[in-house]
Amino acid sequence: MEVLVILFAAAVWDLLLGEPPSKLHPVVWMGKFIGGIWNRRPSGADDRKMLIFGGVLVVSGALLFSLPLRLLNLLPGLTALLLTIPLLKSVFSIGALLKAGESVLRALELGDLPEARRLLSWSLVSRNTEDLSQEEVVGATIESLAENLTDSLASPLFFYALFGLPGAFFYRFCNTCDAMIGYRGGDTEWGGKIAAKLDDVLNWIPARVTAILLLGAGVLAEEDVIKGAEALRDERGNTASPNAGWTMSVMAGLLSVTLEKRGQYALAGGTEPLCTQALRRCVKVVRICAALILAFAAVLGGLHALFG
């Protein structure tokens, strides 16, 4: 029951109040910690030293931000609960994700492609968006919404359900580390390798659960679930990430569209146009899937409390 109350309250907080102020946001603190340590990396270090440096950064930071939260167990029950709600909310977000997708949609519906590109780059993707066509903007927004269902919601709640608040914070630090230094090229080629690999491992189960829940959301949204399942079967391995293709391929099939990133991948789900209507349908599916993820986390947390 306590897990259900905390999840429900954190979700209501997320949807009604949004993100905490930056000065009080634990994920902002994580980013500053990562940036501060990374800026002190050894100059001219070889690959092995950078690998060790990056590994120490991600593991030590994940433990630093997660282990102290075990002290909440020493507080009176109501006090611990009231502190857990905002702390849990800080490591997941569905309201901001939906808002980002809807803002791109509004810009496109108003015919403002430059603004849609700017919003896409600001809130959802790291790729260069300056020369993307309207269809590419729609496609990139759909891809990001589908992929971030795992990173922004399912994974932190999965680890919360199994390991409590320390588990959710451990995941969020590793994911933030991957987002900041888990790239190819330069010092991050080896310095960010452990962060990237650890993030892949942590997201492995949540991504697959989210893909299944997306099919369930497709049923409720009256989308083409058969095509969603077929795209999952045939297209999920077409991305470099071992996890992103699972949710993106399902979404492609549900919407009967093909999602493509130039020179990277194509996820064939159908030949329907990548238009604003497809993006509107995607937002609806994401909203329903978010509710299913919350329900799944509540059931998982309840079962773990009973039998764990």
Protein backbone atom coordinates (compact mmCIF):
# COMPACT_ATOMS: atom_id res chain seq x y z
CA MET A 1 0.00 0.00 0.00
CA GLU A 2 2.83 2.41 0.85
CA VAL A 3 4.44 1.89 -2.57
CA LEU A 4 1.11 2.63 -4.27
CA VAL A 5 0.64 5.82 -2.26
CA ILE A 6 4.16 7.04 -3.01
CA LEU A 7 3.92 6.29 -6.73
CA PHE A 8 0.51 7.93 -7.04
CA ALA A 9 1.56 11.01 -5.10
CA ALA A 10 4.82 11.35 -7.06
CA ALA A 11 2.94 11.03 -10.36
CA VAL A 12 0.41 13.70 -9.29
CA TRP A 13 3.29 15.94 -8.22
CA ASP A 14 4.95 15.41 -11.60
CA LEU A 15 1.84 16.23 -13.61
CA LEU A 16 0.63 19.16 -11.53
CA LEU A 17 3.79 20.81 -10.19
CA GLY A 18 6.45 19.70 -12.66
CA GLU A 19 10.16 19.79 -11.91
CA PRO A 20 11.67 21.12 -8.66
CA PRO A 21 13.71 24.35 -8.88
CA SER A 22 17.19 23.76 -10.28
CA LYS A 23 18.82 24.62 -6.95
CA LEU A 24 16.88 21.80 -5.28
CA HIS A 25 16.90 19.26 -8.12
CA PRO A 26 18.97 16.14 -7.37
CA VAL A 27 19.51 15.43 -11.08
CA VAL A 28 20.96 18.92 -11.51
CA TRP A 29 23.32 18.13 -8.63
CA MET A 30 24.25 14.89 -10.38
CA GLY A 31 25.05 16.80 -13.54
CA LYS A 32 27.22 19.29 -11.69
CA PHE A 33 29.05 16.47 -9.92
CA ILE A 34 29.70 14.65 -13.20
CA GLY A 35 30.78 17.83 -14.97
CA GLY A 36 33.05 18.88 -12.13
CA ILE A 37 34.84 15.52 -11.95
CA TRP A 38 35.01 15.12 -15.73
CA ASN A 39 36.64 18.54 -16.09
CA ARG A 40 39.43 17.25 -13.85
CA ARG A 41 40.20 14.21 -16.01
CA PRO A 42 43.89 13.58 -16.69
CA SER A 43 45.04 15.32 -19.84
CA GLY A 44 46.71 13.16 -22.45
CA ALA A 45 45.78 9.94 -20.62
CA ASP A 46 45.82 6.69 -22.59
CA ASP A 47 42.69 4.62 -23.23
CA ARG A 48 43.17 2.39 -20.19
CA LYS A 49 43.52 5.31 -17.79
CA MET A 50 40.47 7.03 -19.27
CA LEU A 51 38.48 3.81 -18.94
CA ILE A 52 39.43 3.55 -15.26
CA PHE A 53 38.76 7.25 -14.65
CA GLY A 54 35.30 7.02 -16.23
CA GLY A 55 34.51 3.83 -14.36
CA VAL A 56 35.46 5.33 -11.00
CA LEU A 57 33.38 8.42 -11.82
CA VAL A 58 30.17 6.54 -12.60
CA VAL A 59 30.40 3.96 -9.81
CA SER A 60 31.50 6.35 -7.06
CA GLY A 61 28.91 8.94 -8.06
CA ALA A 62 26.11 6.38 -8.25
CA LEU A 63 26.96 5.15 -4.74
CA LEU A 64 27.37 8.68 -3.39
CA PHE A 65 23.90 9.71 -4.55
CA SER A 66 22.11 6.48 -3.65
CA LEU A 67 23.52 4.99 -0.43
CA PRO A 68 22.76 7.96 1.88
CA LEU A 69 19.07 7.56 1.03
CA ARG A 70 19.05 4.37 3.09
CA LEU A 71 19.06 6.68 6.11
CA LEU A 72 15.42 7.48 5.35
CA ASN A 73 14.60 4.11 6.87
CA LEU A 74 15.69 5.48 10.25
CA LEU A 75 13.08 8.25 10.17
CA PRO A 76 9.50 7.96 11.43
CA GLY A 77 7.19 6.42 8.82
CA LEU A 78 5.22 9.54 7.87
CA THR A 79 8.35 11.72 7.71
CA ALA A 80 10.10 9.18 5.47
CA LEU A 81 7.05 8.97 3.21
CA LEU A 82 6.74 12.73 2.84
CA LEU A 83 10.42 13.01 1.91
CA THR A 84 10.32 10.03 -0.46
CA ILE A 85 7.54 11.47 -2.64
CA PRO A 86 9.41 14.56 -3.94
CA LEU A 87 12.71 12.70 -4.08
CA LEU A 88 11.21 9.96 -6.24
CA LYS A 89 9.50 12.51 -8.45
CA SER A 90 12.85 14.19 -9.07
CA VAL A 91 14.28 11.12 -10.83
CA PHE A 92 11.43 10.49 -13.26
CA SER A 93 9.35 12.66 -15.54
CA ILE A 94 6.39 12.06 -17.78
CA GLY A 95 4.83 15.53 -17.62
CA ALA A 96 7.92 17.21 -19.08
CA LEU A 97 8.23 14.55 -21.77
CA LEU A 98 4.61 14.99 -22.85
CA LYS A 99 4.97 18.77 -22.72
CA ALA A 100 8.04 18.59 -24.96
CA GLY A 101 6.24 16.47 -27.55
CA GLU A 102 3.14 18.66 -27.46
CA SER A 103 5.19 21.85 -27.87
CA VAL A 104 6.78 20.51 -31.07
CA LEU A 105 3.32 19.45 -32.26
CA ARG A 106 1.86 22.92 -31.66
CA ALA A 107 4.70 24.61 -33.51
CA LEU A 108 4.19 22.33 -36.51
CA GLU A 109 0.44 22.88 -36.51
CA LEU A 110 1.10 26.62 -36.58
CA GLY A 111 3.39 26.12 -39.57
CA ASP A 112 6.48 27.27 -37.64
CA LEU A 113 9.05 24.66 -38.70
CA PRO A 114 12.09 26.62 -37.38
CA GLU A 115 10.49 26.81 -33.93
CA ALA A 116 9.63 23.11 -34.05
CA ARG A 117 13.27 22.33 -34.88
CA ARG A 118 14.43 24.53 -31.99
CA LEU A 119 12.06 22.89 -29.51
CA LEU A 120 13.04 19.43 -30.70
CA SER A 121 16.73 20.21 -30.17
CA TRP A 122 16.12 21.93 -26.85
CA SER A 123 13.98 19.26 -25.20
CA LEU A 124 14.26 15.90 -26.93
CA VAL A 125 17.29 15.13 -29.11
CA SER A 126 21.01 15.84 -29.22
CA ARG A 127 21.32 15.65 -33.02
CA ASN A 128 21.58 18.75 -35.23
CA THR A 129 18.04 19.73 -36.20
CA GLU A 130 18.70 22.85 -38.29
CA ASP A 131 18.16 21.21 -41.67
CA LEU A 132 15.50 18.63 -40.78
CA SER A 133 12.37 18.54 -42.92
CA GLN A 134 8.95 18.62 -41.28
CA GLU A 135 8.67 14.85 -41.74
CA GLU A 136 12.06 14.35 -40.08
CA VAL A 137 11.05 16.58 -37.18
CA VAL A 138 7.89 14.54 -36.68
CA GLY A 139 9.84 11.30 -36.92
CA ALA A 140 12.56 12.41 -34.50
CA THR A 141 9.93 13.56 -31.98
CA ILE A 142 8.11 10.22 -32.17
CA GLU A 143 11.40 8.33 -31.77
CA SER A 144 12.41 10.39 -28.74
CA LEU A 145 9.03 10.08 -27.04
CA ALA A 146 9.08 6.31 -27.50
CA GLU A 147 12.69 5.88 -26.35
CA ASN A 148 12.34 8.19 -23.36
CA LEU A 149 9.42 6.22 -21.99
CA THR A 150 12.15 3.84 -20.82
CA ASP A 151 14.78 6.33 -19.64
CA SER A 152 12.47 8.96 -18.16
CA LEU A 153 9.85 6.76 -16.55
CA ALA A 154 10.01 2.96 -16.72
CA SER A 155 13.62 2.42 -15.61
CA PRO A 156 13.66 4.68 -12.54
CA LEU A 157 10.30 3.29 -11.40
CA PHE A 158 11.43 -0.29 -12.06
CA PHE A 159 14.47 0.18 -9.82
CA TYR A 160 12.39 2.00 -7.22
CA ALA A 161 9.91 -0.88 -7.10
CA LEU A 162 12.70 -3.41 -6.53
CA PHE A 163 15.31 -1.48 -4.55
CA GLY A 164 13.55 1.56 -3.17
CA LEU A 165 14.71 5.14 -3.52
CA PRO A 166 18.44 4.19 -3.53
CA GLY A 167 17.81 1.99 -6.58
CA ALA A 168 16.02 4.78 -8.44
CA PHE A 169 18.82 7.25 -7.67
CA PHE A 170 21.52 4.73 -8.63
CA TYR A 171 19.84 4.30 -12.02
CA ARG A 172 19.32 8.02 -12.58
CA PHE A 173 22.96 8.84 -11.86
CA CYS A 174 24.20 6.18 -14.30
CA ASN A 175 21.75 7.38 -16.93
CA THR A 176 22.77 11.02 -16.43
CA CYS A 177 26.43 10.02 -16.67
CA ASP A 178 25.72 8.25 -19.95
CA ALA A 179 23.85 11.29 -21.27
CA MET A 180 26.79 13.56 -20.47
CA ILE A 181 29.87 11.48 -21.36
CA GLY A 182 28.63 8.30 -23.04
CA TYR A 183 29.64 9.32 -26.56
CA ARG A 184 32.04 8.16 -29.26
CA GLY A 185 35.15 10.18 -30.01
CA GLY A 186 37.72 12.11 -28.00
CA ASP A 187 38.12 11.43 -24.29
CA THR A 188 34.54 10.15 -24.03
CA GLU A 189 35.38 7.23 -26.35
CA TRP A 190 36.94 5.42 -23.39
CA GLY A 191 36.10 7.73 -20.49
CA GLY A 192 32.38 7.28 -21.07
CA LYS A 193 32.43 3.63 -22.11
CA ILE A 194 31.57 2.15 -18.71
CA ALA A 195 28.76 4.68 -18.23
CA ALA A 196 27.32 3.77 -21.63
CA LYS A 197 27.58 0.02 -21.08
CA LEU A 198 26.16 0.22 -17.57
CA ASP A 199 23.24 2.30 -18.84
CA ASP A 200 22.57 -0.36 -21.51
CA VAL A 201 22.55 -3.09 -18.86
CA LEU A 202 20.28 -1.18 -16.48
CA ASN A 203 17.77 -0.36 -19.23
CA TRP A 204 17.72 -3.90 -20.68
CA ILE A 205 14.70 -5.26 -18.78
CA PRO A 206 12.75 -1.97 -18.51
CA ALA A 207 13.02 -1.37 -22.27
CA ARG A 208 11.52 -4.77 -23.04
CA VAL A 209 8.77 -4.36 -20.46
CA THR A 210 7.99 -0.92 -21.88
CA ALA A 211 7.74 -2.36 -25.40
CA ILE A 212 5.13 -4.84 -24.17
CA LEU A 213 3.23 -2.11 -22.31
CA LEU A 214 3.34 0.02 -25.47
CA LEU A 215 1.49 -2.76 -27.27
CA GLY A 216 -1.08 -2.67 -24.48
CA ALA A 217 -1.35 1.10 -24.85
CA GLY A 218 -1.84 0.57 -28.59
CA VAL A 219 -4.85 -1.62 -27.87
CA LEU A 220 -6.39 1.05 -25.64
CA ALA A 221 -5.61 3.79 -28.18
CA GLU A 222 -7.10 1.67 -30.99
CA GLU A 223 -3.88 1.65 -33.00
CA ASP A 224 -2.60 -1.20 -35.19
CA VAL A 225 -1.25 -3.60 -32.57
CA ILE A 226 -0.57 -6.35 -35.11
CA LYS A 227 1.77 -4.04 -37.01
CA GLY A 228 3.30 -2.94 -33.72
CA ALA A 229 4.13 -6.54 -32.81
CA GLU A 230 5.45 -7.27 -36.31
CA ALA A 231 7.68 -4.19 -36.26
CA LEU A 232 8.98 -5.20 -32.84
CA ARG A 233 9.82 -8.66 -34.15
CA ASP A 234 11.49 -7.47 -37.35
CA GLU A 235 12.98 -4.04 -36.61
CA ARG A 236 14.04 -3.92 -32.94
CA GLY A 237 17.67 -4.79 -33.71
CA ASN A 238 18.21 -2.04 -36.29
CA THR A 239 19.49 0.58 -33.85
CA ALA A 240 22.98 0.79 -32.40
CA SER A 241 21.47 0.78 -28.92
CA PRO A 242 20.39 -2.67 -27.70
CA ASN A 243 17.35 -1.09 -26.05
CA ALA A 244 16.09 1.92 -28.01
CA GLY A 245 14.90 -0.16 -30.96
CA TRP A 246 12.39 -2.03 -28.83
CA THR A 247 10.11 0.88 -28.00
CA MET A 248 10.75 2.83 -31.21
CA SER A 249 9.93 -0.14 -33.45
CA VAL A 250 6.68 -0.78 -31.58
CA MET A 251 5.67 2.86 -31.98
CA ALA A 252 6.53 2.78 -35.67
CA GLY A 253 4.26 -0.20 -36.15
CA LEU A 254 1.42 1.16 -34.04
CA LEU A 255 1.38 4.35 -36.13
CA SER A 256 2.13 2.50 -39.41
CA VAL A 257 5.05 4.83 -40.16
CA THR A 258 8.74 4.37 -40.89
CA LEU A 259 11.10 6.08 -38.46
CA GLU A 260 14.50 6.94 -39.89
CA LYS A 261 17.60 8.75 -38.69
CA ARG A 262 19.90 9.76 -41.51
CA GLY A 263 22.76 7.36 -41.96
CA GLN A 264 21.90 5.52 -38.73
CA TYR A 265 18.80 3.36 -38.96
CA ALA A 266 15.33 2.87 -40.41
CA LEU A 267 12.51 1.21 -38.49
CA ALA A 268 9.82 0.16 -40.94
CA GLY A 269 6.34 0.13 -39.46
CA GLY A 270 4.34 1.14 -42.50
CA THR A 271 3.97 3.74 -45.20
CA GLU A 272 1.65 6.26 -43.54
CA PRO A 273 2.92 9.86 -43.74
CA LEU A 274 4.93 11.39 -40.91
CA CYS A 275 2.51 14.24 -40.32
CA THR A 276 1.18 16.13 -37.33
CA GLN A 277 -1.69 13.67 -36.99
CA ALA A 278 0.80 10.82 -36.52
CA LEU A 279 2.56 12.83 -33.81
CA ARG A 280 -0.74 13.59 -32.09
CA ARG A 281 -1.56 9.87 -32.05
CA CYS A 282 1.91 9.15 -30.66
CA VAL A 283 1.40 11.56 -27.76
CA LYS A 284 -1.87 9.79 -26.93
CA VAL A 285 -0.18 6.38 -26.92
CA VAL A 286 2.66 7.70 -24.74
CA ARG A 287 0.17 9.12 -22.25
CA ILE A 288 -1.66 5.79 -21.97
CA CYS A 289 1.59 3.83 -21.75
CA ALA A 290 2.80 6.08 -18.93
CA ALA A 291 -0.27 5.12 -16.92
CA LEU A 292 0.40 1.44 -17.60
CA ILE A 293 4.03 1.83 -16.50
CA LEU A 294 2.92 3.41 -13.22
CA ALA A 295 0.46 0.55 -12.68
CA PHE A 296 3.16 -2.03 -13.47
CA ALA A 297 5.59 -0.38 -11.02
CA ALA A 298 2.92 -0.35 -8.32
CA VAL A 299 2.19 -4.06 -8.80
CA LEU A 300 5.90 -4.93 -8.93
CA GLY A 301 6.61 -2.90 -5.81
CA GLY A 302 3.69 -4.46 -3.99
CA LEU A 303 4.78 -7.97 -4.88
CA HIS A 304 8.34 -7.20 -3.82
CA ALA A 305 7.11 -5.85 -0.48
CA LEU A 306 5.11 -9.04 0.10
CA PHE A 307 7.60 -11.63 -1.08
CA GLY A 308 10.95 -9.84 -1.30
